[in-house]
Each structure stands twice: as C-alpha cells, then as structure tokens.
C-alpha atoms as a PDB file:
ATOM      1  CA  MET A   1      18.352-100.015 -62.863  1.00  0.00           C
ATOM      2  CA  ASN A   2      15.448 -98.853 -60.861  1.00  0.00           C
ATOM      3  CA  PRO A   3      15.058 -99.920 -57.273  1.00  0.00           C
ATOM      4  CA  PHE A   4      11.616 -99.505 -56.710  1.00  0.00           C
ATOM      5  CA  SER A   5       9.832-102.873 -58.474  1.00  0.00           C
ATOM      6  CA  ARG A   6       6.259-100.806 -57.771  1.00  0.00           C
ATOM      7  CA  GLN A   7       5.901 -96.889 -59.947  1.00  0.00           C
ATOM      8  CA  ASP A   8       3.440 -96.026 -57.181  1.00  0.00           C
ATOM      9  CA  HIS A   9       6.423 -96.680 -54.598  1.00  0.00           C
ATOM     10  CA  TYR A  10       8.738 -95.329 -56.372  1.00  0.00           C
ATOM     11  CA  ARG A  11       6.128 -92.333 -56.293  1.00  0.00           C
ATOM     12  CA  ASP A  12       6.050 -92.259 -52.471  1.00  0.00           C
ATOM     13  CA  HIS A  13       9.841 -91.881 -52.195  1.00  0.00           C
ATOM     14  CA  LEU A  14       9.508 -88.946 -54.993  1.00  0.00           C
ATOM     15  CA  ARG A  15       7.372 -86.832 -52.673  1.00  0.00           C
ATOM     16  CA  THR A  16       8.057 -87.884 -49.131  1.00  0.00           C
ATOM     17  CA  PHE A  17      12.188 -88.346 -48.645  1.00  0.00           C
ATOM     18  CA  HIS A  18      13.108 -85.596 -52.231  1.00  0.00           C
ATOM     19  CA  LEU A  19      10.296 -83.866 -51.560  1.00  0.00           C
ATOM     20  CA  GLU A  20       8.923 -83.441 -55.015  1.00  0.00           C
ATOM     21  CA  ASP A  21       6.048 -81.548 -55.735  1.00  0.00           C
ATOM     22  CA  ILE A  22       4.026 -84.573 -56.775  1.00  0.00           C
ATOM     23  CA  PHE A  23       0.471 -83.793 -56.260  1.00  0.00           C
ATOM     24  CA  ARG A  24      -1.217 -86.426 -54.157  1.00  0.00           C
ATOM     25  CA  ARG A  25      -4.902 -88.331 -56.095  1.00  0.00           C
ATOM     26  CA  GLY A  26      -7.659 -85.125 -55.135  1.00  0.00           C
ATOM     27  CA  ASN A  27      -5.136 -82.911 -53.216  1.00  0.00           C
ATOM     28  CA  ARG A  28      -3.164 -80.188 -55.037  1.00  0.00           C
ATOM     29  CA  GLY A  29      -1.476 -78.758 -52.504  1.00  0.00           C
ATOM     30  CA  ASP A  30      -2.518 -75.136 -50.051  1.00  0.00           C
ATOM     31  CA  GLU A  31       0.819 -72.588 -49.098  1.00  0.00           C
ATOM     32  CA  GLU A  32       1.640 -74.781 -46.167  1.00  0.00           C
ATOM     33  CA  TRP A  33       2.351 -78.110 -48.422  1.00  0.00           C
ATOM     34  CA  TRP A  34       4.489 -76.041 -50.947  1.00  0.00           C
ATOM     35  CA  ASN A  35       6.624 -74.461 -48.317  1.00  0.00           C
ATOM     36  CA  THR A  36       7.742 -77.736 -47.288  1.00  0.00           C
ATOM     37  CA  ARG A  37       8.538 -78.772 -50.791  1.00  0.00           C
ATOM     38  CA  SER A  38      12.703 -79.195 -51.598  1.00  0.00           C
ATOM     39  CA  LYS A  39      13.707 -75.537 -53.140  1.00  0.00           C
ATOM     40  CA  ARG A  40      16.110 -77.666 -55.918  1.00  0.00           C
ATOM     41  CA  ALA A  41      13.623 -79.663 -57.198  1.00  0.00           C
ATOM     42  CA  LEU A  42      11.169 -76.612 -57.539  1.00  0.00           C
ATOM     43  CA  HIS A  43      14.132 -73.691 -58.919  1.00  0.00           C
ATOM     44  CA  MET A  44      16.573 -75.560 -60.827  1.00  0.00           C
ATOM     45  CA  GLY A  45      15.030 -75.645 -64.564  1.00  0.00           C
ATOM     46  CA  TRP A  46      12.795 -79.466 -64.571  1.00  0.00           C
ATOM     47  CA  TRP A  47      10.074 -80.754 -63.197  1.00  0.00           C
ATOM     48  CA  ARG A  48       9.086 -84.060 -62.459  1.00  0.00           C
ATOM     49  CA  CYS A  49       6.030 -86.106 -64.602  1.00  0.00           C
ATOM     50  CA  SER A  50       3.708 -87.475 -62.280  1.00  0.00           C
ATOM     51  CA  ARG A  51       2.100 -90.009 -64.834  1.00  0.00           C
ATOM     52  CA  CYS A  52       6.051 -91.824 -65.746  1.00  0.00           C
ATOM     53  CA  LEU A  53       8.208 -90.311 -63.198  1.00  0.00           C
ATOM     54  CA  VAL A  54      10.425 -89.150 -65.832  1.00  0.00           C
ATOM     55  CA  ARG A  55      12.313 -85.804 -65.105  1.00  0.00           C
ATOM     56  CA  VAL A  56      11.964 -83.462 -67.809  1.00  0.00           C
ATOM     57  CA  SER A  57      13.737 -80.454 -68.739  1.00  0.00           C
ATOM     58  CA  GLN A  58      11.412 -77.550 -68.751  1.00  0.00           C
ATOM     59  CA  ALA A  59      13.711 -75.586 -71.853  1.00  0.00           C
ATOM     60  CA  GLU A  60      14.449 -78.332 -73.534  1.00  0.00           C
ATOM     61  CA  HIS A  61      10.635 -79.687 -73.764  1.00  0.00           C
ATOM     62  CA  GLY A  62       8.799 -76.992 -71.780  1.00  0.00           C
ATOM     63  CA  TRP A  63       5.605 -78.589 -70.182  1.00  0.00           C
ATOM     64  CA  HIS A  64       4.836 -81.466 -72.078  1.00  0.00           C
ATOM     65  CA  CYS A  65       7.070 -84.973 -70.866  1.00  0.00           C
ATOM     66  CA  PRO A  66       8.765 -85.916 -73.971  1.00  0.00           C
ATOM     67  CA  GLY A  67       7.868 -89.880 -72.390  1.00  0.00           C
ATOM     68  CA  CYS A  68       4.122 -90.034 -71.433  1.00  0.00           C
ATOM     69  CA  ARG A  69       2.766 -86.326 -73.447  1.00  0.00           C
ATOM     70  CA  ASN A  70       1.573 -85.841 -70.249  1.00  0.00           C
ATOM     71  CA  MET A  71       1.115 -82.398 -69.200  1.00  0.00           C
ATOM     72  CA  CYS A  72       2.514 -80.542 -66.195  1.00  0.00           C
ATOM     73  CA  GLU A  73      -0.178 -80.231 -63.991  1.00  0.00           C
ATOM     74  CA  LYS A  74      -2.056 -76.177 -64.031  1.00  0.00           C
ATOM     75  CA  GLU A  75      -1.255 -75.329 -60.022  1.00  0.00           C
ATOM     76  CA  ARG A  76       2.749 -77.035 -60.958  1.00  0.00           C
ATOM     77  CA  LYS A  77       3.308 -74.237 -63.508  1.00  0.00           C
ATOM     78  CA  GLU A  78       1.376 -71.604 -61.836  1.00  0.00           C
ATOM     79  CA  TYR A  79       3.763 -72.357 -58.382  1.00  0.00           C
ATOM     80  CA  ARG A  80       6.802 -72.588 -60.794  1.00  0.00           C
ATOM     81  CA  THR A  81       5.963 -69.445 -62.944  1.00  0.00           C
ATOM     82  CA  ILE A  82       4.908 -67.193 -59.881  1.00  0.00           C
ATOM     83  CA  HIS A  83       7.904 -68.150 -57.475  1.00  0.00           C
ATOM     84  CA  GLN A  84      10.527 -68.197 -60.707  1.00  0.00           C
ATOM     85  CA  GLY A  85      12.398 -65.229 -58.862  1.00  0.00           C
ATOM     86  CA  GLU A  86      13.087 -67.585 -56.041  1.00  0.00           C
ATOM     87  CA  GLY A  87      14.884 -69.777 -57.651  1.00  0.00           C
ATOM     88  CA  GLN A  88      17.478 -67.811 -58.895  1.00  0.00           C
ATOM     89  CA  ASP A  89      18.519 -66.701 -55.425  1.00  0.00           C
ATOM     90  CA  TYR A  90      17.937 -70.809 -54.606  1.00  0.00           C
ATOM     91  CA  LEU A  91      20.574 -71.244 -56.898  1.00  0.00           C
ATOM     92  CA  ARG A  92      22.545 -68.074 -55.626  1.00  0.00           C
ATOM     93  CA  ALA A  93      22.672 -69.114 -52.269  1.00  0.00           C
ATOM     94  CA  ARG A  94      24.123 -72.671 -53.585  1.00  0.00           C
ATOM     95  CA  ARG A  95      26.613 -71.263 -55.562  1.00  0.00           C
ATOM     96  CA  ASP A  96      28.580 -68.948 -52.804  1.00  0.00           C
ATOM     97  CA  MET A  97      28.036 -71.872 -50.333  1.00  0.00           C
ATOM     98  CA  ASP A  98      29.892 -74.593 -52.988  1.00  0.00           C
ATOM     99  CA  ARG A  99      32.680 -71.755 -53.498  1.00  0.00           C
ATOM    100  CA  ARG A 100      32.717 -71.105 -49.885  1.00  0.00           C
ATOM    101  CA  ASN A 101      33.626 -75.110 -49.281  1.00  0.00           C
ATOM    102  CA  ARG A 102      36.120 -75.939 -51.744  1.00  0.00           C
ATOM    103  CA  GLN A 103      37.916 -72.239 -50.280  1.00  0.00           C
ATOM    104  CA  SER A 104      38.020 -73.367 -46.585  1.00  0.00           C
ATOM    105  CA  TYR A 105      39.027 -77.500 -47.728  1.00  0.00           C
ATOM    106  CA  GLY A 106      41.609 -75.254 -50.230  1.00  0.00           C
ATOM    107  CA  HIS A 107      43.191 -74.191 -47.173  1.00  0.00           C
ATOM    108  CA  VAL A 108      43.468 -77.410 -45.301  1.00  0.00           C
ATOM    109  CA  SER A 109      47.348 -78.402 -44.566  1.00  0.00           C
ATOM    110  CA  ARG A 110      47.685 -81.810 -45.620  1.00  0.00           C
ATOM    111  CA  PRO A 111      50.857 -84.035 -43.670  1.00  0.00           C
END
C-alpha cells in the first residue's frame, strides 16, 4: 500500500527526504545539486523511473523501466557512469562500518 495518494507528493518526498536524483521539470542539476544527492541512491545498482517512480535494477533492466518503458535521462546515466568508482568506495566504506558495528556490539557483556 502506498501512503501517498498523489504521485507528485511521492516524487517530492523521494527528492527531498531520500535525496534521490529525480529532476524537477526544466532543471537537470548542476554539480552542487548532484553533491547533495544520496550516495545510496546513486551507487547501489538501481535507479528510479521519473515517470512511474518504480525502482529499476540496472543489472536486470539496464536503462529502460520495465513498467512504463521510460528511459533513464541522459544526465542521470552519464553521472552514474562517470562516478561509478565512487559507488565502489561507498559500498566498501558501508561494509567496513557494518563490520565494525557488529564487532563492537558482539563484545557487549550481557547480564
């Protein structure tokens, strides 16, 4: 069940709360805008269709949305392609942080 009754409200929520790279009409983002977007949304191997707002796996579907056949915008594809290495750095840092957290919580004495 979708808690948003209007798709435009959901789109705004994804943009502002989750910092996903969904463009506003007429705005294709500058470097400052791209730097404010969520690394998780940019480098985890998926993109969100700007038309139907479905999460699309790049490995399975590439740059075409399986739901509405919309293609990912050129600027979004280019950014992800150019900054692909940053995604690996981000994932590695997340794995290391998760590993450290598990180790530190594993050493907590229980009464």
